[in-house]
Amino acid sequence: MVGNPYEQYKRTQFETASQGRLILMLYDGVLKNLRIAQTSIVNKKPMAANTSLKKAQDIILELNLTLNMDAGEIAQHLRGLYSYIHQRLIEANMKKDAAIVQEAIDLLSELKEAWETIILKARTTTTAP
């Protein structure tokens, strides 16, 4: 069966992405779902908010599970932060609270920026003569 060409492209992109790019893709996905959830809450669409918040929670769990705990203190701090965000998203879903969603967006946006900086630095280091 031939699938949707766009879906095939996305799957290929995912399968061939570097570890750093995969992390950024997860951040993009969680932020996208949080923005959808926030809009859904504001527009009084609880089912759409629930769906997007559950997807965001799943992505946070994936980020948490893929942490390399051998990396030391940074990994431990990230694990705590991901656990905190996950709990806040559960609370946001129960209360349909857009302010809690915004808190998660703010935290995850900062983390994504940090990852982008780390990945860019790693790329320039590995390509330097």
C-alpha atoms as a PDB file:
ATOM      1  CA  MET A   1       0.000   0.000   0.000  1.00  0.00           C
ATOM      2  CA  VAL A   2       1.411   3.381  -0.981  1.00  0.00           C
ATOM      3  CA  GLY A   3       0.895   5.907   1.777  1.00  0.00           C
ATOM      4  CA  ASN A   4       0.567   9.634   1.804  1.00  0.00           C
ATOM      5  CA  PRO A   5       3.760  11.069   0.236  1.00  0.00           C
ATOM      6  CA  TYR A   6       3.941  13.765   2.915  1.00  0.00           C
ATOM      7  CA  GLU A   7       3.763  11.145   5.674  1.00  0.00           C
ATOM      8  CA  GLN A   8       6.466   9.101   3.937  1.00  0.00           C
ATOM      9  CA  TYR A   9       8.654  12.211   3.720  1.00  0.00           C
ATOM     10  CA  LYS A  10       8.122  12.997   7.414  1.00  0.00           C
ATOM     11  CA  ARG A  11       8.905   9.401   8.396  1.00  0.00           C
ATOM     12  CA  THR A  12      12.095   9.426   6.299  1.00  0.00           C
ATOM     13  CA  GLN A  13      13.091  12.777   7.781  1.00  0.00           C
ATOM     14  CA  PHE A  14      12.545  11.402  11.290  1.00  0.00           C
ATOM     15  CA  GLU A  15      14.407   8.151  10.624  1.00  0.00           C
ATOM     16  CA  THR A  16      17.461   9.903   9.184  1.00  0.00           C
ATOM     17  CA  ALA A  17      17.661  12.799  11.653  1.00  0.00           C
ATOM     18  CA  SER A  18      20.583  13.165  14.024  1.00  0.00           C
ATOM     19  CA  GLN A  19      20.003  12.785  17.747  1.00  0.00           C
ATOM     20  CA  GLY A  20      20.106  16.566  18.188  1.00  0.00           C
ATOM     21  CA  ARG A  21      17.618  17.101  15.387  1.00  0.00           C
ATOM     22  CA  LEU A  22      15.312  14.469  16.930  1.00  0.00           C
ATOM     23  CA  ILE A  23      15.337  16.371  20.218  1.00  0.00           C
ATOM     24  CA  LEU A  24      14.438  19.585  18.410  1.00  0.00           C
ATOM     25  CA  MET A  25      11.651  17.776  16.535  1.00  0.00           C
ATOM     26  CA  LEU A  26      10.219  16.613  19.856  1.00  0.00           C
ATOM     27  CA  TYR A  27      10.354  20.170  21.189  1.00  0.00           C
ATOM     28  CA  ASP A  28       8.661  21.462  18.030  1.00  0.00           C
ATOM     29  CA  GLY A  29       5.944  18.846  18.452  1.00  0.00           C
ATOM     30  CA  VAL A  30       5.288  19.545  22.100  1.00  0.00           C
ATOM     31  CA  LEU A  31       5.198  23.314  21.552  1.00  0.00           C
ATOM     32  CA  LYS A  32       2.841  22.926  18.596  1.00  0.00           C
ATOM     33  CA  ASN A  33       0.469  20.780  20.672  1.00  0.00           C
ATOM     34  CA  LEU A  34       0.614  23.174  23.608  1.00  0.00           C
ATOM     35  CA  ARG A  35      -0.300  26.127  21.389  1.00  0.00           C
ATOM     36  CA  ILE A  36      -3.218  24.165  19.942  1.00  0.00           C
ATOM     37  CA  ALA A  37      -4.319  23.218  23.472  1.00  0.00           C
ATOM     38  CA  GLN A  38      -4.085  26.822  24.643  1.00  0.00           C
ATOM     39  CA  THR A  39      -6.178  28.058  21.710  1.00  0.00           C
ATOM     40  CA  SER A  40      -8.668  25.258  22.298  1.00  0.00           C
ATOM     41  CA  ILE A  41      -9.023  26.189  25.967  1.00  0.00           C
ATOM     42  CA  VAL A  42      -9.577  29.853  25.128  1.00  0.00           C
ATOM     43  CA  ASN A  43     -12.137  28.891  22.464  1.00  0.00           C
ATOM     44  CA  LYS A  44     -13.956  26.568  24.904  1.00  0.00           C
ATOM     45  CA  LYS A  45     -13.147  23.378  22.991  1.00  0.00           C
ATOM     46  CA  PRO A  46     -12.311  20.998  25.859  1.00  0.00           C
ATOM     47  CA  MET A  47     -12.027  17.825  23.753  1.00  0.00           C
ATOM     48  CA  ALA A  48      -9.523  19.401  21.362  1.00  0.00           C
ATOM     49  CA  ALA A  49      -7.594  20.773  24.347  1.00  0.00           C
ATOM     50  CA  ASN A  50      -7.589  17.331  25.957  1.00  0.00           C
ATOM     51  CA  THR A  51      -6.269  15.667  22.792  1.00  0.00           C
ATOM     52  CA  SER A  52      -3.456  18.195  22.353  1.00  0.00           C
ATOM     53  CA  LEU A  53      -2.499  18.158  26.034  1.00  0.00           C
ATOM     54  CA  LYS A  54      -2.317  14.353  26.015  1.00  0.00           C
ATOM     55  CA  LYS A  55      -0.036  14.466  22.959  1.00  0.00           C
ATOM     56  CA  ALA A  56       2.138  17.057  24.714  1.00  0.00           C
ATOM     57  CA  GLN A  57       2.286  14.872  27.836  1.00  0.00           C
ATOM     58  CA  ASP A  58       3.374  11.890  25.723  1.00  0.00           C
ATOM     59  CA  ILE A  59       6.174  13.925  24.143  1.00  0.00           C
ATOM     60  CA  ILE A  60       7.360  15.130  27.562  1.00  0.00           C
ATOM     61  CA  LEU A  61       7.435  11.506  28.729  1.00  0.00           C
ATOM     62  CA  GLU A  62       9.469  10.580  25.645  1.00  0.00           C
ATOM     63  CA  LEU A  63      11.946  13.407  26.316  1.00  0.00           C
ATOM     64  CA  ASN A  64      12.231  12.231  29.916  1.00  0.00           C
ATOM     65  CA  LEU A  65      12.695   8.563  29.010  1.00  0.00           C
ATOM     66  CA  THR A  66      15.404   9.280  26.456  1.00  0.00           C
ATOM     67  CA  LEU A  67      17.604  11.263  28.838  1.00  0.00           C
ATOM     68  CA  ASN A  68      21.109   9.897  29.179  1.00  0.00           C
ATOM     69  CA  MET A  69      21.391   9.792  32.954  1.00  0.00           C
ATOM     70  CA  ASP A  70      25.148   9.148  32.631  1.00  0.00           C
ATOM     71  CA  ALA A  71      25.422  12.809  31.572  1.00  0.00           C
ATOM     72  CA  GLY A  72      25.273  13.729  35.249  1.00  0.00           C
ATOM     73  CA  GLU A  73      23.745  16.741  36.921  1.00  0.00           C
ATOM     74  CA  ILE A  74      22.256  18.278  33.774  1.00  0.00           C
ATOM     75  CA  ALA A  75      20.289  15.115  33.010  1.00  0.00           C
ATOM     76  CA  GLN A  76      19.041  14.988  36.604  1.00  0.00           C
ATOM     77  CA  HIS A  77      17.861  18.608  36.394  1.00  0.00           C
ATOM     78  CA  LEU A  78      16.148  17.956  33.067  1.00  0.00           C
ATOM     79  CA  ARG A  79      14.432  14.861  34.500  1.00  0.00           C
ATOM     80  CA  GLY A  80      13.060  16.959  37.361  1.00  0.00           C
ATOM     81  CA  LEU A  81      11.961  19.720  35.007  1.00  0.00           C
ATOM     82  CA  TYR A  82      10.285  17.306  32.588  1.00  0.00           C
ATOM     83  CA  SER A  83       8.479  15.636  35.514  1.00  0.00           C
ATOM     84  CA  TYR A  84       7.319  19.037  36.768  1.00  0.00           C
ATOM     85  CA  ILE A  85       6.066  20.061  33.316  1.00  0.00           C
ATOM     86  CA  HIS A  86       4.281  16.728  32.900  1.00  0.00           C
ATOM     87  CA  GLN A  87       2.478  17.198  36.230  1.00  0.00           C
ATOM     88  CA  ARG A  88       1.534  20.770  35.301  1.00  0.00           C
ATOM     89  CA  LEU A  89       0.109  19.576  31.974  1.00  0.00           C
ATOM     90  CA  ILE A  90      -2.045  17.023  33.774  1.00  0.00           C
ATOM     91  CA  GLU A  91      -3.275  19.849  36.004  1.00  0.00           C
ATOM     92  CA  ALA A  92      -3.854  22.126  32.988  1.00  0.00           C
ATOM     93  CA  ASN A  93      -5.891  19.377  31.361  1.00  0.00           C
ATOM     94  CA  MET A  94      -8.021  18.774  34.443  1.00  0.00           C
ATOM     95  CA  LYS A  95      -8.661  22.496  34.999  1.00  0.00           C
ATOM     96  CA  LYS A  96      -8.538  23.543  31.323  1.00  0.00           C
ATOM     97  CA  ASP A  97      -6.192  26.322  32.452  1.00  0.00           C
ATOM     98  CA  ALA A  98      -4.501  28.271  29.644  1.00  0.00           C
ATOM     99  CA  ALA A  99      -2.133  29.990  32.114  1.00  0.00           C
ATOM    100  CA  ILE A 100      -0.580  26.644  33.105  1.00  0.00           C
ATOM    101  CA  VAL A 101      -0.187  25.788  29.427  1.00  0.00           C
ATOM    102  CA  GLN A 102       1.586  29.121  28.915  1.00  0.00           C
ATOM    103  CA  GLU A 103       3.950  28.295  31.779  1.00  0.00           C
ATOM    104  CA  ALA A 104       4.866  25.041  30.012  1.00  0.00           C
ATOM    105  CA  ILE A 105       5.296  26.861  26.694  1.00  0.00           C
ATOM    106  CA  ASP A 106       7.640  29.372  28.330  1.00  0.00           C
ATOM    107  CA  LEU A 107       9.760  26.675  30.012  1.00  0.00           C
ATOM    108  CA  LEU A 108       9.951  24.476  26.937  1.00  0.00           C
ATOM    109  CA  SER A 109      10.740  27.405  24.634  1.00  0.00           C
ATOM    110  CA  GLU A 110      13.735  28.274  26.804  1.00  0.00           C
ATOM    111  CA  LEU A 111      14.878  24.652  26.829  1.00  0.00           C
ATOM    112  CA  LYS A 112      14.501  24.427  23.047  1.00  0.00           C
ATOM    113  CA  GLU A 113      16.636  27.553  22.613  1.00  0.00           C
ATOM    114  CA  ALA A 114      19.294  26.018  24.857  1.00  0.00           C
ATOM    115  CA  TRP A 115      19.253  22.784  22.835  1.00  0.00           C
ATOM    116  CA  GLU A 116      19.504  24.743  19.579  1.00  0.00           C
ATOM    117  CA  THR A 117      22.577  26.530  20.936  1.00  0.00           C
ATOM    118  CA  ILE A 118      24.166  23.267  22.084  1.00  0.00           C
ATOM    119  CA  ILE A 119      23.454  21.538  18.773  1.00  0.00           C
ATOM    120  CA  LEU A 120      24.734  24.482  16.730  1.00  0.00           C
ATOM    121  CA  LYS A 121      27.912  24.579  18.827  1.00  0.00           C
ATOM    122  CA  ALA A 122      28.393  20.823  18.389  1.00  0.00           C
ATOM    123  CA  ARG A 123      27.907  21.150  14.644  1.00  0.00           C
ATOM    124  CA  THR A 124      30.456  23.936  14.305  1.00  0.00           C
ATOM    125  CA  THR A 125      32.908  22.045  16.520  1.00  0.00           C
ATOM    126  CA  THR A 126      32.669  18.863  14.461  1.00  0.00           C
ATOM    127  CA  THR A 127      32.963  20.710  11.137  1.00  0.00           C
ATOM    128  CA  ALA A 128      35.861  22.937  12.200  1.00  0.00           C
ATOM    129  CA  PRO A 129      39.249  22.143  10.578  1.00  0.00           C
END
